[in-house]
Amino acid sequence: MPSKEKTPRLSVLVVDDDKYIPQLIHKILFEIHPAISFKSFSLPSEAIEWARSNTIDVAFVDYRLPEMDGLSAIKELRKYAPHVFFIVITAHTDISIAIEGIRKGVFDFLQKPLNQDLLSLCMERVLSQISLVKENELLHDLLKNQNILLGNSPYMSAIKEKIALFSFSNSPVLITGETGVGKELVARHLHLSGKNKNAPFVAISCASLPLSLFESELFGYEKGAFSGADKQNIGKLEFAGNGTVLLDEVGEIPLEIQVKLLRVLQEREFQRLGGNRSVKLKARIIAATNRDIHNAVIEGTFRRDFYYRLNVLHIDIPPLRQRTEDIEIIAEHFKRKSCLIYEKDVSFSGRVLELMRQHPWPGNVRQLQSVVENAVLSTNSKTIEVMHLPQNFIQTQSTHASHPPNAISASSIKSFKKTYAKEDIISSLERNSGNKAKTALDLGLTRTQLLYRMKKLSIQ
């Protein structure tokens, strides 16, 4: 798998009627930054016409040009390339030219005859600025889109409508769906759509908390409540304030904790461990699970009264295989994100998109994200082809090619998951050097679920 590109391609334009200048600049720049595309023109009108349909990162423009002066040429070029770093080459040291150039956004000036050291220093500054701009764009894009809810299928439209209806209520919401469908993302949307969106959003992974820590994590404790409690500590329910608490994987909460949480939801108050004073519950409670809670109630592993208290409002997120029209939209989003991170510019081939639409996606959106990131990293070309997809994806795809996603029965999916999981777990464990936490994250499972499957499938 290729590593992240260290030197992204740089597009350089030179406008100078002296043929020697472009040759010298190209020679020096190639030594500093080999990954460049280079274009030169002697006439500014030709450069301006070329700029209408091409990308430019850096432009060297001579001040003395036929047709117009360099600053006028820069003014015209900026219409088609507003974010270019312009460097003016001049044989004169006229301060008025420098002042006018700075006003027009010129990044630097180089005096003829060109000095190699000064040109190198100038380019180092340009590359540093370009890197900073790209980092800022990346951060802005990632922050802007980290909570985006993607998809235009009828299923997703219905979910968005429910979010709009439920967002201003303080009643508990139960979010159900398979592993990796985006339950936490929906919970965050509920929070961000509500009146207390600026208050904390606190996600608690119920599957990862040992029984001994449940109460102290949720309710907090007073000084001296137990050995080692040398100071007061507020719990997650109190820390959330007027915000939202997400009980993720709520189906994993032990029965003895369920009864205490039921009382908290009913009374809207609780006490810290070792304390006597009641603390008001101000936060909204959202619960999420990939388990069939109704069956868990019948089996006696989940309290019926707790289930009813959580299930005041309900959002069920269907698996990705049931909303194939969303797959391309989501894949494009993850591709764009990966391209920003790894400084690449790639697109999917038609065949790859077709295979993605046909795939059953047992790991749902989380698996799709992993496949897309892997494919972006695995290609050195402009197009992601089938050969760039992970091997286990291709093998699974060929095994199930005869079954359209919407025609696969529940029993087939269950069997598919079991077969796929064993291959995928072994492969992921190898990729992550046996680290179970990283493997669970890679597969879209909790650590508890991973250990259970490893034991069931006899994976050492």
Protein backbone atom coordinates (compact mmCIF):
# COMPACT_ATOMS: atom_id res chain seq x y z
CA MET A 1 0.00 0.00 0.00
CA PRO A 2 1.58 3.31 -1.00
CA SER A 3 2.29 5.84 1.69
CA LYS A 4 0.99 9.37 1.82
CA GLU A 5 2.41 11.57 -0.94
CA LYS A 6 5.11 13.80 0.53
CA THR A 7 5.25 16.27 -2.37
CA PRO A 8 1.89 17.09 -3.95
CA ARG A 9 2.03 18.18 -7.59
CA LEU A 10 2.60 21.89 -8.07
CA SER A 11 1.40 23.79 -11.14
CA VAL A 12 3.81 26.58 -12.13
CA LEU A 13 3.29 29.28 -14.77
CA VAL A 14 6.02 31.60 -16.09
CA VAL A 15 5.23 34.67 -18.21
CA ASP A 16 8.43 36.19 -19.62
CA ASP A 17 9.53 37.07 -23.14
CA ASP A 18 13.14 36.15 -22.29
CA LYS A 19 13.42 32.41 -23.14
CA TYR A 20 16.34 31.99 -20.77
CA ILE A 21 14.25 32.90 -17.65
CA PRO A 22 11.67 30.04 -17.88
CA GLN A 23 14.49 27.52 -18.47
CA LEU A 24 16.37 28.73 -15.41
CA ILE A 25 13.26 28.76 -13.19
CA HIS A 26 12.31 25.26 -14.31
CA LYS A 27 15.80 23.94 -13.57
CA ILE A 28 15.91 25.46 -10.09
CA LEU A 29 12.34 24.51 -9.16
CA PHE A 30 12.74 20.93 -10.30
CA GLU A 31 15.66 20.53 -7.88
CA ILE A 32 13.53 21.92 -5.01
CA HIS A 33 10.19 20.28 -5.88
CA PRO A 34 10.36 17.52 -8.53
CA ALA A 35 6.56 17.03 -8.65
CA ILE A 36 5.77 20.05 -10.80
CA SER A 37 3.82 20.73 -13.97
CA PHE A 38 5.39 23.65 -15.81
CA LYS A 39 4.07 26.02 -18.48
CA SER A 40 5.61 29.19 -19.92
CA PHE A 41 4.43 31.93 -22.29
CA SER A 42 6.12 34.97 -23.77
CA LEU A 43 2.84 36.85 -24.31
CA PRO A 44 0.51 37.64 -21.39
CA SER A 45 -2.59 37.22 -23.59
CA GLU A 46 -1.61 33.58 -24.24
CA ALA A 47 -1.05 32.98 -20.51
CA ILE A 48 -4.41 34.54 -19.64
CA GLU A 49 -6.21 32.38 -22.20
CA TRP A 50 -4.46 29.26 -20.85
CA ALA A 51 -5.39 30.19 -17.25
CA ARG A 52 -9.09 30.15 -18.13
CA SER A 53 -9.09 26.33 -18.20
CA ASN A 54 -6.07 25.28 -16.12
CA THR A 55 -5.08 25.23 -12.46
CA ILE A 56 -2.18 27.37 -11.28
CA ASP A 57 -0.45 27.33 -7.88
CA VAL A 58 2.48 29.69 -8.54
CA ALA A 59 3.03 32.25 -11.30
CA PHE A 60 6.28 34.08 -12.13
CA VAL A 61 5.47 37.21 -14.16
CA ASP A 62 8.01 39.60 -15.67
CA TYR A 63 7.20 43.25 -15.10
CA ARG A 64 8.29 44.32 -18.59
CA LEU A 65 6.12 42.41 -21.07
CA PRO A 66 4.74 42.98 -24.56
CA GLU A 67 1.04 43.98 -24.69
CA MET A 68 0.84 45.04 -21.01
CA ASP A 69 2.98 45.34 -17.88
CA GLY A 70 3.30 42.48 -15.40
CA LEU A 71 0.94 43.95 -12.78
CA SER A 72 -1.80 44.38 -15.38
CA ALA A 73 -1.23 40.79 -16.49
CA ILE A 74 -1.55 39.65 -12.87
CA LYS A 75 -4.84 41.54 -12.54
CA GLU A 76 -6.24 39.63 -15.54
CA LEU A 77 -4.80 36.27 -14.45
CA ARG A 78 -6.33 36.65 -10.99
CA LYS A 79 -9.81 36.65 -12.55
CA TYR A 80 -9.31 32.98 -13.44
CA ALA A 81 -6.81 32.02 -10.73
CA PRO A 82 -7.70 33.97 -7.56
CA HIS A 83 -5.58 31.94 -5.14
CA VAL A 84 -2.30 31.95 -7.04
CA PHE A 85 0.99 33.01 -5.45
CA PHE A 86 2.27 35.68 -7.85
CA ILE A 87 5.97 36.52 -8.01
CA VAL A 88 7.08 39.52 -10.06
CA ILE A 89 10.42 39.42 -11.87
CA THR A 90 11.90 42.85 -12.53
CA ALA A 91 15.17 44.40 -13.57
CA HIS A 92 14.27 47.60 -11.72
CA THR A 93 14.18 48.47 -8.01
CA ASP A 94 11.41 51.02 -8.30
CA ILE A 95 9.68 51.30 -4.90
CA SER A 96 6.42 52.46 -6.52
CA ILE A 97 6.22 49.17 -8.46
CA ALA A 98 6.69 47.23 -5.24
CA ILE A 99 3.98 49.20 -3.43
CA GLU A 100 1.51 48.78 -6.29
CA GLY A 101 2.37 45.08 -6.49
CA ILE A 102 1.75 44.53 -2.77
CA ARG A 103 -1.63 46.25 -3.11
CA LYS A 104 -2.50 43.84 -5.91
CA GLY A 105 -1.55 40.81 -3.81
CA VAL A 106 1.92 40.02 -5.18
CA PHE A 107 3.61 37.50 -2.89
CA ASP A 108 7.25 38.42 -3.65
CA PHE A 109 9.63 40.22 -6.03
CA LEU A 110 12.78 38.78 -7.63
CA GLN A 111 15.36 40.99 -9.29
CA LYS A 112 17.17 40.19 -12.53
CA PRO A 113 19.58 38.58 -12.99
CA LEU A 114 17.94 35.78 -10.99
CA ASN A 115 19.87 34.53 -8.00
CA GLN A 116 19.44 30.81 -7.40
CA ASP A 117 19.62 31.08 -3.60
CA LEU A 118 17.04 33.86 -3.48
CA LEU A 119 14.72 31.96 -5.85
CA SER A 120 15.05 28.83 -3.68
CA LEU A 121 14.30 30.84 -0.55
CA CYS A 122 11.27 32.40 -2.22
CA MET A 123 9.92 28.99 -3.25
CA GLU A 124 10.42 27.58 0.24
CA ARG A 125 8.21 30.38 1.54
CA VAL A 126 5.62 29.70 -1.17
CA LEU A 127 5.54 25.95 -0.42
CA SER A 128 5.20 26.67 3.29
CA GLN A 129 2.24 28.96 2.62
CA ILE A 130 0.60 26.46 0.24
CA SER A 131 0.97 23.72 2.86
CA LEU A 132 -0.59 25.98 5.50
CA VAL A 133 -3.51 26.91 3.22
CA LYS A 134 -4.18 23.24 2.40
CA GLU A 135 -4.05 22.28 6.08
CA ASN A 136 -6.56 25.04 6.91
CA GLU A 137 -8.84 23.92 4.05
CA LEU A 138 -8.62 20.33 5.27
CA LEU A 139 -9.45 21.26 8.86
CA HIS A 140 -12.31 23.50 7.76
CA ASP A 141 -13.74 20.80 5.51
CA LEU A 142 -13.42 18.05 8.11
CA LEU A 143 -15.01 20.20 10.83
CA LYS A 144 -17.79 21.31 8.51
CA ASN A 145 -18.65 17.78 7.37
CA GLN A 146 -17.89 15.64 10.43
CA ASN A 147 -21.56 15.53 11.45
CA ILE A 148 -23.15 15.55 8.00
CA LEU A 149 -26.02 13.09 7.49
CA LEU A 150 -25.68 11.75 3.96
CA GLY A 151 -28.25 10.12 1.70
CA ASN A 152 -31.35 11.00 -0.31
CA SER A 153 -33.16 7.66 -0.14
CA PRO A 154 -36.73 7.54 1.21
CA TYR A 155 -35.31 5.91 4.36
CA MET A 156 -32.90 8.78 5.02
CA SER A 157 -35.54 11.39 4.18
CA ALA A 158 -37.82 9.81 6.80
CA ILE A 159 -35.00 9.82 9.38
CA LYS A 160 -34.27 13.51 8.71
CA GLU A 161 -37.98 14.30 9.16
CA LYS A 162 -37.99 12.48 12.50
CA ILE A 163 -34.90 14.38 13.62
CA ALA A 164 -36.64 17.66 12.80
CA LEU A 165 -39.73 16.55 14.77
CA PHE A 166 -37.86 15.14 17.79
CA SER A 167 -35.03 17.67 18.12
CA PHE A 168 -36.87 20.14 20.38
CA SER A 169 -38.36 17.50 22.68
CA ASN A 170 -36.60 16.47 25.88
CA SER A 171 -38.11 12.96 25.81
CA PRO A 172 -35.78 9.94 25.53
CA VAL A 173 -35.04 8.63 22.05
CA LEU A 174 -34.12 5.03 21.19
CA ILE A 175 -32.01 4.66 18.02
CA THR A 176 -31.75 1.14 16.62
CA GLY A 177 -29.81 -0.34 13.72
CA GLU A 178 -27.00 -2.70 12.80
CA THR A 179 -23.38 -2.01 13.67
CA GLY A 180 -21.91 0.77 11.55
CA VAL A 181 -25.13 2.35 10.22
CA GLY A 182 -24.46 5.70 11.91
CA LYS A 183 -26.45 5.65 15.15
CA GLU A 184 -24.13 8.08 16.95
CA LEU A 185 -24.22 10.40 13.95
CA VAL A 186 -28.03 10.51 14.10
CA ALA A 187 -27.81 11.16 17.84
CA ARG A 188 -25.44 14.07 17.21
CA HIS A 189 -27.84 15.47 14.63
CA LEU A 190 -30.65 15.34 17.16
CA HIS A 191 -28.44 17.24 19.61
CA LEU A 192 -27.22 19.83 17.09
CA SER A 193 -30.77 20.44 15.83
CA GLY A 194 -32.11 21.20 19.30
CA LYS A 195 -32.26 24.34 21.40
CA ASN A 196 -29.29 23.27 23.56
CA LYS A 197 -26.91 22.49 20.69
CA ASN A 198 -24.11 24.50 22.33
CA ALA A 199 -24.28 22.40 25.50
CA PRO A 200 -22.13 19.23 25.79
CA PHE A 201 -22.83 16.05 23.85
CA VAL A 202 -21.57 13.18 26.00
CA ALA A 203 -21.32 9.70 24.44
CA ILE A 204 -20.92 6.75 26.84
CA SER A 205 -19.88 3.36 25.45
CA CYS A 206 -21.85 1.03 27.71
CA ALA A 207 -20.16 -2.09 26.30
CA SER A 208 -16.68 -0.94 27.35
CA LEU A 209 -17.54 -0.03 30.97
CA PRO A 210 -16.92 -2.72 33.58
CA LEU A 211 -19.73 -3.19 36.10
CA SER A 212 -17.63 -1.74 38.93
CA LEU A 213 -17.28 1.61 37.13
CA PHE A 214 -20.80 2.09 35.76
CA GLU A 215 -22.21 4.04 38.69
CA SER A 216 -19.18 6.25 39.27
CA GLU A 217 -18.97 7.10 35.54
CA LEU A 218 -22.68 7.90 35.26
CA PHE A 219 -23.46 9.49 38.62
CA GLY A 220 -20.07 10.64 39.93
CA TYR A 221 -18.95 10.32 43.54
CA GLU A 222 -18.21 12.32 46.67
CA LYS A 223 -14.86 12.52 48.40
CA GLY A 224 -14.35 9.40 50.53
CA ALA A 225 -17.12 7.43 48.78
CA PHE A 226 -14.69 4.52 48.31
CA SER A 227 -11.02 3.75 48.62
CA GLY A 228 -9.08 6.11 46.36
CA ALA A 229 -11.89 8.72 46.11
CA ASP A 230 -9.71 11.57 47.42
CA LYS A 231 -11.86 14.31 45.86
CA GLN A 232 -15.35 14.90 44.52
CA ASN A 233 -15.92 13.87 40.90
CA ILE A 234 -19.01 14.67 38.84
CA GLY A 235 -20.40 11.95 36.56
CA LYS A 236 -21.28 12.06 32.88
CA LEU A 237 -24.98 12.74 33.54
CA GLU A 238 -24.11 15.84 35.55
CA PHE A 239 -21.30 16.98 33.25
CA ALA A 240 -23.68 17.05 30.26
CA GLY A 241 -25.70 19.85 31.89
CA ASN A 242 -28.53 20.88 29.56
CA GLY A 243 -26.99 18.92 26.71
CA THR A 244 -27.34 15.32 25.57
CA VAL A 245 -26.15 12.00 26.95
CA LEU A 246 -25.88 9.13 24.47
CA LEU A 247 -26.03 5.67 26.04
CA ASP A 248 -24.32 3.86 23.19
CA GLU A 249 -24.82 0.08 23.06
CA VAL A 250 -27.48 0.41 25.76
CA GLY A 251 -28.31 -3.28 25.33
CA GLU A 252 -25.04 -4.12 27.12
CA ILE A 253 -26.01 -2.36 30.39
CA PRO A 254 -26.23 -4.88 33.26
CA LEU A 255 -29.69 -5.44 34.78
CA GLU A 256 -28.65 -4.00 38.17
CA ILE A 257 -27.65 -0.72 36.48
CA GLN A 258 -30.77 -0.69 34.31
CA VAL A 259 -33.01 -0.44 37.38
CA LYS A 260 -31.03 2.53 38.71
CA LEU A 261 -31.12 4.32 35.39
CA LEU A 262 -34.87 3.68 35.16
CA ARG A 263 -35.35 5.53 38.45
CA VAL A 264 -33.17 8.40 37.19
CA LEU A 265 -35.28 8.72 34.04
CA GLN A 266 -38.52 8.63 36.03
CA GLU A 267 -37.49 11.02 38.82
CA ARG A 268 -35.14 13.19 36.71
CA GLU A 269 -32.63 13.21 39.56
CA PHE A 270 -29.85 11.08 41.04
CA GLN A 271 -27.25 11.07 43.82
CA ARG A 272 -23.50 10.87 43.54
CA LEU A 273 -21.96 7.77 45.11
CA GLY A 274 -21.43 8.44 48.80
CA GLY A 275 -23.67 11.51 48.68
CA ASN A 276 -27.00 12.49 50.23
CA ARG A 277 -27.97 15.43 48.05
CA SER A 278 -30.05 14.87 44.90
CA VAL A 279 -28.71 16.23 41.63
CA LYS A 280 -31.22 17.24 38.95
CA LEU A 281 -30.93 15.48 35.59
CA LYS A 282 -31.08 18.30 33.04
CA ALA A 283 -29.70 16.42 30.04
CA ARG A 284 -31.69 14.65 27.38
CA ILE A 285 -31.11 10.88 27.17
CA ILE A 286 -30.60 9.16 23.82
CA ALA A 287 -29.98 5.42 23.71
CA ALA A 288 -28.56 3.45 20.80
CA THR A 289 -28.25 -0.27 20.21
CA ASN A 290 -27.58 -2.84 17.49
CA ARG A 291 -29.40 -5.52 19.50
CA ASP A 292 -33.00 -6.60 19.09
CA ILE A 293 -34.12 -5.07 22.39
CA HIS A 294 -37.65 -6.45 22.07
CA ASN A 295 -36.26 -10.00 21.98
CA ALA A 296 -33.89 -9.14 24.84
CA VAL A 297 -36.94 -8.14 26.90
CA ILE A 298 -38.62 -11.47 26.11
CA GLU A 299 -35.41 -13.35 27.00
CA GLY A 300 -35.17 -11.45 30.30
CA THR A 301 -31.79 -9.80 29.60
CA PHE A 302 -33.31 -6.31 29.33
CA ARG A 303 -35.90 -4.82 31.68
CA ARG A 304 -39.31 -4.26 30.10
CA ASP A 305 -39.98 -1.07 32.11
CA PHE A 306 -36.56 0.37 31.19
CA TYR A 307 -37.23 -0.43 27.52
CA TYR A 308 -40.57 1.40 27.60
CA ARG A 309 -38.98 4.40 29.31
CA LEU A 310 -36.24 4.64 26.70
CA ASN A 311 -38.50 3.96 23.73
CA VAL A 312 -40.66 7.10 24.02
CA LEU A 313 -39.40 8.24 20.61
CA HIS A 314 -37.83 5.77 18.17
CA ILE A 315 -35.59 6.06 15.12
CA ASP A 316 -34.62 2.89 13.25
CA ILE A 317 -31.74 3.19 10.78
CA PRO A 318 -31.94 0.61 7.98
CA PRO A 319 -28.77 -1.19 6.83
CA LEU A 320 -26.88 0.16 3.83
CA ARG A 321 -27.94 -2.76 1.64
CA GLN A 322 -31.56 -1.56 1.90
CA ARG A 323 -30.73 1.95 0.66
CA THR A 324 -28.41 1.34 -2.26
CA GLU A 325 -29.19 4.76 -3.76
CA ASP A 326 -27.23 6.30 -0.85
CA ILE A 327 -24.06 4.27 -1.40
CA GLU A 328 -22.51 6.42 -4.14
CA ILE A 329 -23.21 9.66 -2.24
CA ILE A 330 -21.62 8.31 0.94
CA ALA A 331 -18.66 6.77 -0.94
CA GLU A 332 -17.98 10.10 -2.70
CA HIS A 333 -17.99 11.88 0.66
CA PHE A 334 -15.45 9.46 2.16
CA LYS A 335 -13.34 9.58 -1.01
CA ARG A 336 -13.19 13.38 -0.85
CA LYS A 337 -12.25 13.25 2.82
CA SER A 338 -9.48 10.69 2.15
CA CYS A 339 -8.21 12.72 -0.82
CA LEU A 340 -7.91 15.78 1.42
CA ILE A 341 -6.06 13.84 4.11
CA TYR A 342 -3.69 12.00 1.75
CA GLU A 343 -3.35 14.85 -0.79
CA LYS A 344 -4.69 12.92 -3.76
CA ASP A 345 -7.15 13.60 -6.56
CA VAL A 346 -8.90 10.42 -7.68
CA SER A 347 -12.31 9.29 -8.91
CA PHE A 348 -14.19 5.98 -8.92
CA SER A 349 -14.50 3.96 -12.10
CA GLY A 350 -18.03 3.02 -13.16
CA ARG A 351 -17.32 -0.65 -12.41
CA VAL A 352 -16.21 0.12 -8.84
CA LEU A 353 -19.39 2.10 -8.16
CA GLU A 354 -21.43 -0.76 -9.62
CA LEU A 355 -19.73 -3.28 -7.31
CA MET A 356 -20.31 -0.99 -4.33
CA ARG A 357 -24.01 -0.79 -5.11
CA GLN A 358 -24.20 -4.61 -5.34
CA HIS A 359 -22.25 -5.31 -2.13
CA PRO A 360 -24.25 -6.43 0.96
CA TRP A 361 -22.15 -4.24 3.33
CA PRO A 362 -22.48 -6.22 6.58
CA GLY A 363 -20.40 -3.53 8.29
CA ASN A 364 -22.58 -0.81 6.75
CA VAL A 365 -21.31 2.78 6.50
CA ARG A 366 -18.28 2.15 8.70
CA GLN A 367 -17.16 -0.67 6.40
CA LEU A 368 -17.74 1.50 3.34
CA GLN A 369 -15.54 4.20 4.84
CA SER A 370 -12.77 1.67 5.45
CA VAL A 371 -12.99 0.29 1.89
CA VAL A 372 -12.90 3.77 0.33
CA GLU A 373 -9.92 4.91 2.42
CA ASN A 374 -8.05 1.71 1.56
CA ALA A 375 -8.80 2.20 -2.16
CA VAL A 376 -7.64 5.84 -2.16
CA LEU A 377 -4.36 4.84 -0.55
CA SER A 378 -3.90 1.87 -2.88
CA THR A 379 -3.98 3.77 -6.19
CA ASN A 380 -1.26 5.82 -7.83
CA SER A 381 -3.46 6.68 -10.80
CA LYS A 382 -6.33 9.14 -11.20
CA THR A 383 -9.00 6.42 -11.16
CA ILE A 384 -9.88 3.85 -8.50
CA GLU A 385 -10.31 0.53 -10.32
CA VAL A 386 -11.40 -2.89 -9.06
CA MET A 387 -7.75 -3.90 -8.51
CA HIS A 388 -7.42 -1.12 -5.91
CA LEU A 389 -10.24 -2.44 -3.71
CA PRO A 390 -9.36 -4.54 -0.62
CA GLN A 391 -8.90 -8.22 -1.41
CA ASN A 392 -11.53 -9.39 1.08
CA PHE A 393 -14.07 -7.02 -0.53
CA ILE A 394 -13.39 -8.47 -4.00
CA GLN A 395 -13.54 -12.07 -2.72
CA THR A 396 -16.80 -11.43 -0.91
CA GLN A 397 -18.23 -9.62 -3.92
CA SER A 398 -17.51 -12.52 -6.26
CA THR A 399 -19.04 -14.97 -3.77
CA HIS A 400 -22.30 -13.01 -3.64
CA ALA A 401 -22.38 -11.56 -7.16
CA SER A 402 -25.43 -13.63 -8.08
CA HIS A 403 -27.51 -12.15 -5.24
CA PRO A 404 -28.85 -8.58 -5.68
CA PRO A 405 -28.62 -6.69 -2.36
CA ASN A 406 -32.38 -6.34 -1.90
CA ALA A 407 -32.99 -10.01 -2.70
CA ILE A 408 -30.73 -11.42 0.03
CA SER A 409 -32.70 -13.10 2.78
CA ALA A 410 -32.15 -12.46 6.47
CA SER A 411 -30.71 -15.97 6.89
CA SER A 412 -28.31 -15.36 3.98
CA ILE A 413 -27.12 -12.13 5.55
CA LYS A 414 -26.61 -13.85 8.89
CA SER A 415 -24.61 -16.63 7.21
CA PHE A 416 -22.69 -14.06 5.16
CA LYS A 417 -21.75 -12.07 8.25
CA LYS A 418 -20.40 -15.16 9.99
CA THR A 419 -18.25 -16.19 7.00
CA TYR A 420 -17.12 -12.67 6.26
CA ALA A 421 -16.33 -11.93 9.88
CA LYS A 422 -13.86 -14.79 10.24
CA GLU A 423 -11.90 -13.81 7.14
CA ASP A 424 -12.08 -10.14 8.00
CA ILE A 425 -11.13 -10.59 11.65
CA ILE A 426 -8.02 -12.62 10.79
CA SER A 427 -7.00 -10.12 8.10
CA SER A 428 -7.63 -7.12 10.38
CA LEU A 429 -5.73 -8.68 13.29
CA GLU A 430 -2.73 -9.13 11.00
CA ARG A 431 -2.97 -5.53 9.75
CA ASN A 432 -3.16 -4.23 13.31
CA SER A 433 -0.40 -6.45 14.72
CA GLY A 434 -2.85 -8.30 16.95
CA ASN A 435 -4.14 -5.15 18.66
CA LYS A 436 -7.75 -6.02 19.49
CA ALA A 437 -8.92 -2.45 20.15
CA LYS A 438 -7.68 -1.29 16.73
CA THR A 439 -9.08 -4.43 15.09
CA ALA A 440 -12.52 -3.83 16.62
CA LEU A 441 -12.47 -0.22 15.36
CA ASP A 442 -11.35 -1.39 11.91
CA LEU A 443 -14.22 -3.88 11.69
CA GLY A 444 -16.89 -1.61 13.12
CA LEU A 445 -17.33 -3.78 16.22
CA THR A 446 -17.06 -3.16 19.93
CA ARG A 447 -14.17 -4.88 21.71
CA THR A 448 -16.69 -7.12 23.49
CA GLN A 449 -18.28 -8.12 20.18
CA LEU A 450 -14.87 -8.82 18.67
CA LEU A 451 -13.80 -11.06 21.56
CA TYR A 452 -17.14 -12.90 21.40
CA ARG A 453 -16.77 -13.54 17.64
CA MET A 454 -13.13 -14.59 18.01
CA LYS A 455 -14.14 -17.13 20.65
CA LYS A 456 -17.10 -18.37 18.61
CA LEU A 457 -15.04 -18.70 15.42
CA SER A 458 -12.02 -20.24 17.26
CA ILE A 459 -9.65 -17.42 16.33
CA GLN A 460 -6.59 -17.32 18.58
